[in-house]
N, C-alpha and C. Protein backbone atom coordinates (compact mmCIF):
# COMPACT_ATOMS: atom_id res chain seq x y z
N UNK A 1 142.91 181.74 239.41
CA UNK A 1 141.67 182.43 239.73
C UNK A 1 140.48 181.51 239.47
N UNK A 2 139.42 181.77 240.15
CA UNK A 2 138.18 181.00 240.00
C UNK A 2 137.27 181.69 238.98
N UNK A 3 136.40 180.89 238.37
CA UNK A 3 135.44 181.43 237.41
C UNK A 3 134.10 181.63 238.11
N UNK A 4 133.46 182.76 237.83
CA UNK A 4 132.17 183.10 238.43
C UNK A 4 131.19 183.56 237.36
N UNK A 5 129.91 183.27 237.61
CA UNK A 5 128.82 183.86 236.85
C UNK A 5 128.14 184.85 237.78
N UNK A 6 128.02 186.10 237.34
CA UNK A 6 127.38 187.14 238.15
C UNK A 6 126.09 187.53 237.46
N UNK A 7 125.01 187.38 238.19
CA UNK A 7 123.70 187.80 237.70
C UNK A 7 123.45 189.20 238.23
N UNK A 8 123.17 190.12 237.33
CA UNK A 8 122.95 191.52 237.71
C UNK A 8 121.54 191.95 237.29
N UNK A 9 120.72 192.33 238.24
CA UNK A 9 119.39 192.86 237.93
C UNK A 9 119.53 194.34 237.57
N UNK A 10 119.30 194.64 236.30
CA UNK A 10 119.41 196.01 235.78
C UNK A 10 118.19 196.25 234.89
N UNK A 11 117.17 196.94 235.40
CA UNK A 11 115.95 197.14 234.63
C UNK A 11 116.21 197.72 233.24
N UNK A 12 115.61 197.09 232.24
CA UNK A 12 115.65 197.53 230.84
C UNK A 12 117.04 197.58 230.22
N UNK A 13 117.99 196.85 230.79
CA UNK A 13 119.34 196.84 230.23
C UNK A 13 119.33 196.33 228.78
N UNK A 14 118.38 195.46 228.45
CA UNK A 14 118.29 194.94 227.09
C UNK A 14 117.89 195.98 226.06
N UNK A 15 117.46 197.14 226.50
CA UNK A 15 117.07 198.22 225.58
C UNK A 15 118.20 199.22 225.34
N UNK A 16 119.34 199.03 225.98
CA UNK A 16 120.45 199.96 225.79
C UNK A 16 121.00 199.85 224.37
N UNK A 17 121.38 200.99 223.80
CA UNK A 17 121.96 200.98 222.46
C UNK A 17 123.47 200.76 222.56
N UNK A 18 124.12 200.68 221.41
CA UNK A 18 125.56 200.38 221.36
C UNK A 18 126.39 201.40 222.14
N UNK A 19 126.05 202.68 222.05
CA UNK A 19 126.80 203.71 222.77
C UNK A 19 126.64 203.55 224.28
N UNK A 20 125.44 203.23 224.71
CA UNK A 20 125.20 203.05 226.15
C UNK A 20 125.92 201.80 226.66
N UNK A 21 125.93 200.74 225.87
CA UNK A 21 126.65 199.53 226.27
C UNK A 21 128.15 199.79 226.31
N UNK A 22 128.63 200.60 225.37
CA UNK A 22 130.05 200.97 225.36
C UNK A 22 130.40 201.74 226.63
N UNK A 23 129.53 202.65 227.03
CA UNK A 23 129.75 203.40 228.26
C UNK A 23 129.75 202.50 229.49
N UNK A 24 128.85 201.52 229.50
CA UNK A 24 128.80 200.57 230.61
C UNK A 24 130.09 199.75 230.67
N UNK A 25 130.58 199.34 229.50
CA UNK A 25 131.83 198.58 229.45
C UNK A 25 132.99 199.43 229.96
N UNK A 26 133.02 200.71 229.60
CA UNK A 26 134.08 201.61 230.07
C UNK A 26 134.03 201.76 231.59
N UNK A 27 132.83 201.88 232.14
CA UNK A 27 132.67 201.99 233.60
C UNK A 27 133.18 200.72 234.27
N UNK A 28 132.83 199.57 233.71
CA UNK A 28 133.30 198.30 234.25
C UNK A 28 134.82 198.19 234.17
N UNK A 29 135.37 198.55 233.02
CA UNK A 29 136.82 198.48 232.83
C UNK A 29 137.57 199.39 233.80
N UNK A 30 137.03 200.57 234.08
CA UNK A 30 137.65 201.47 235.05
C UNK A 30 137.71 200.82 236.43
N UNK A 31 136.61 200.18 236.83
CA UNK A 31 136.58 199.50 238.12
C UNK A 31 137.58 198.35 238.15
N UNK A 32 137.67 197.61 237.06
CA UNK A 32 138.61 196.50 236.98
C UNK A 32 140.05 196.98 237.16
N UNK A 33 140.38 198.09 236.53
CA UNK A 33 141.74 198.65 236.64
C UNK A 33 142.07 199.01 238.08
N UNK A 34 141.09 199.54 238.79
CA UNK A 34 141.31 199.93 240.19
C UNK A 34 141.55 198.71 241.08
N UNK A 35 140.91 197.60 240.77
CA UNK A 35 141.06 196.39 241.58
C UNK A 35 142.32 195.63 241.20
N UNK A 36 142.66 195.64 239.92
CA UNK A 36 143.88 194.99 239.45
C UNK A 36 143.64 193.66 238.78
N UNK A 37 144.35 193.42 237.67
CA UNK A 37 144.20 192.20 236.88
C UNK A 37 144.61 190.95 237.64
N UNK A 38 145.40 191.11 238.70
CA UNK A 38 145.78 189.95 239.51
C UNK A 38 144.61 189.46 240.35
N UNK A 39 143.58 190.30 240.52
CA UNK A 39 142.45 189.97 241.38
C UNK A 39 141.16 189.67 240.64
N UNK A 40 140.99 190.26 239.43
CA UNK A 40 139.72 190.10 238.72
C UNK A 40 139.90 190.38 237.24
N UNK A 41 139.19 189.61 236.41
CA UNK A 41 139.19 189.81 234.96
C UNK A 41 137.78 189.56 234.44
N UNK A 42 137.32 190.42 233.57
CA UNK A 42 136.01 190.28 232.94
C UNK A 42 136.19 189.46 231.67
N UNK A 43 135.43 188.39 231.52
CA UNK A 43 135.53 187.54 230.33
C UNK A 43 134.50 187.98 229.29
N UNK A 44 133.21 188.00 229.68
CA UNK A 44 132.14 188.41 228.77
C UNK A 44 130.85 188.55 229.56
N UNK A 45 129.88 189.18 228.93
CA UNK A 45 128.56 189.34 229.55
C UNK A 45 127.48 189.07 228.52
N UNK A 46 126.39 188.48 228.99
CA UNK A 46 125.22 188.23 228.17
C UNK A 46 124.12 189.15 228.66
N UNK A 47 123.51 189.90 227.74
CA UNK A 47 122.51 190.89 228.10
C UNK A 47 121.12 190.35 227.76
N UNK A 48 120.24 190.34 228.77
CA UNK A 48 118.84 189.94 228.59
C UNK A 48 117.97 191.18 228.80
N UNK A 49 116.67 190.99 228.89
CA UNK A 49 115.77 192.14 229.04
C UNK A 49 116.08 193.00 230.26
N UNK A 50 116.09 192.40 231.43
CA UNK A 50 116.24 193.15 232.68
C UNK A 50 117.41 192.68 233.54
N UNK A 51 118.36 191.99 232.93
CA UNK A 51 119.52 191.55 233.69
C UNK A 51 120.66 191.19 232.76
N UNK A 52 121.83 191.11 233.34
CA UNK A 52 122.98 190.60 232.61
C UNK A 52 123.53 189.39 233.35
N UNK A 53 124.18 188.52 232.59
CA UNK A 53 124.87 187.37 233.14
C UNK A 53 126.33 187.53 232.72
N UNK A 54 127.18 187.79 233.69
CA UNK A 54 128.56 188.14 233.41
C UNK A 54 129.50 187.02 233.85
N UNK A 55 130.48 186.74 233.02
CA UNK A 55 131.48 185.72 233.34
C UNK A 55 132.76 186.46 233.74
N UNK A 56 133.24 186.14 234.93
CA UNK A 56 134.46 186.76 235.45
C UNK A 56 135.41 185.70 235.97
N UNK A 57 136.69 186.00 235.91
CA UNK A 57 137.70 185.26 236.65
C UNK A 57 138.08 186.15 237.81
N UNK A 58 138.10 185.60 239.01
CA UNK A 58 138.41 186.43 240.17
C UNK A 58 139.09 185.61 241.26
N UNK A 59 139.86 186.31 242.05
CA UNK A 59 140.55 185.70 243.19
C UNK A 59 139.54 185.13 244.17
N UNK A 60 138.46 185.88 244.41
CA UNK A 60 137.43 185.45 245.35
C UNK A 60 136.18 186.30 245.16
N UNK A 61 135.14 185.97 245.91
CA UNK A 61 133.88 186.71 245.80
C UNK A 61 134.02 188.16 246.24
N UNK A 62 134.94 188.43 247.14
CA UNK A 62 135.15 189.81 247.59
C UNK A 62 135.57 190.71 246.43
N UNK A 63 136.38 190.19 245.51
CA UNK A 63 136.79 190.97 244.34
C UNK A 63 135.58 191.29 243.46
N UNK A 64 134.66 190.34 243.34
CA UNK A 64 133.43 190.57 242.57
C UNK A 64 132.60 191.65 243.24
N UNK A 65 132.47 191.56 244.56
CA UNK A 65 131.68 192.56 245.30
C UNK A 65 132.31 193.95 245.21
N UNK A 66 133.64 194.01 245.25
CA UNK A 66 134.34 195.29 245.13
C UNK A 66 134.08 195.90 243.75
N UNK A 67 134.11 195.07 242.72
CA UNK A 67 133.82 195.56 241.37
C UNK A 67 132.41 196.12 241.30
N UNK A 68 131.45 195.41 241.89
CA UNK A 68 130.06 195.89 241.89
C UNK A 68 129.96 197.24 242.59
N UNK A 69 130.66 197.38 243.70
CA UNK A 69 130.64 198.64 244.46
C UNK A 69 131.24 199.78 243.65
N UNK A 70 132.40 199.55 243.04
CA UNK A 70 133.08 200.60 242.28
C UNK A 70 132.36 200.96 240.98
N UNK A 71 131.79 199.97 240.32
CA UNK A 71 131.15 200.21 239.03
C UNK A 71 129.72 200.72 239.16
N UNK A 72 129.09 200.39 240.28
CA UNK A 72 127.68 200.74 240.45
C UNK A 72 126.74 199.72 239.84
N UNK A 73 127.28 198.63 239.31
CA UNK A 73 126.46 197.56 238.74
C UNK A 73 126.25 196.49 239.80
N UNK A 74 125.00 196.20 240.15
CA UNK A 74 124.74 195.27 241.25
C UNK A 74 125.19 193.84 240.94
N UNK A 75 125.68 193.17 241.96
CA UNK A 75 125.98 191.74 241.86
C UNK A 75 124.86 191.03 242.60
N UNK A 76 123.74 190.83 241.92
CA UNK A 76 122.54 190.27 242.54
C UNK A 76 122.79 188.86 243.04
N UNK A 77 123.47 188.07 242.22
CA UNK A 77 123.79 186.69 242.60
C UNK A 77 125.16 186.34 242.05
N UNK A 78 126.02 185.80 242.90
CA UNK A 78 127.37 185.39 242.51
C UNK A 78 127.44 183.87 242.65
N UNK A 79 127.79 183.20 241.55
CA UNK A 79 127.88 181.74 241.57
C UNK A 79 129.25 181.32 241.06
N UNK A 80 129.96 180.54 241.86
CA UNK A 80 131.24 180.00 241.41
C UNK A 80 130.99 178.82 240.48
N UNK A 81 131.69 178.81 239.35
CA UNK A 81 131.59 177.71 238.39
C UNK A 81 132.55 176.61 238.86
N UNK A 82 132.03 175.42 239.05
CA UNK A 82 132.86 174.30 239.52
C UNK A 82 133.51 173.55 238.37
N UNK A 83 132.78 173.39 237.27
CA UNK A 83 133.31 172.74 236.08
C UNK A 83 132.44 173.14 234.90
N UNK A 84 132.87 172.76 233.71
CA UNK A 84 132.12 173.09 232.51
C UNK A 84 131.95 171.84 231.67
N UNK A 85 130.79 171.70 231.06
CA UNK A 85 130.57 170.63 230.10
C UNK A 85 130.06 171.24 228.80
N UNK A 86 130.23 170.50 227.72
CA UNK A 86 129.71 170.90 226.42
C UNK A 86 129.41 169.63 225.64
N UNK A 87 128.97 169.72 224.39
CA UNK A 87 128.62 168.51 223.65
C UNK A 87 129.75 167.48 223.57
N UNK A 88 130.99 167.94 223.57
CA UNK A 88 132.12 167.00 223.46
C UNK A 88 132.37 166.24 224.76
N UNK A 89 131.74 166.63 225.86
CA UNK A 89 131.93 165.94 227.14
C UNK A 89 131.48 164.48 227.05
N UNK A 90 130.54 164.19 226.16
CA UNK A 90 130.03 162.83 226.00
C UNK A 90 131.12 161.86 225.59
N UNK A 91 132.09 162.33 224.85
CA UNK A 91 133.12 161.44 224.27
C UNK A 91 134.17 161.02 225.26
């Protein structure tokens, strides 16, 4: 599977409390189950003021779009990750 970063514009998402974030995660997980682990997996999400940045493994962009449709969470921008670097890349 390929790795993707999904930018989601969600007004005031950064103000959600733990229970609301838990509910959002449950909604996302339900959508993932419907699509199937062979097609898409949620790795993690970073929550900012008015958007989230989500890391997914997916078969293709269509699986990401299907998840957005089923969950109701917009996929404002989908970017495929080509490679990753970190401080140890220098060595």
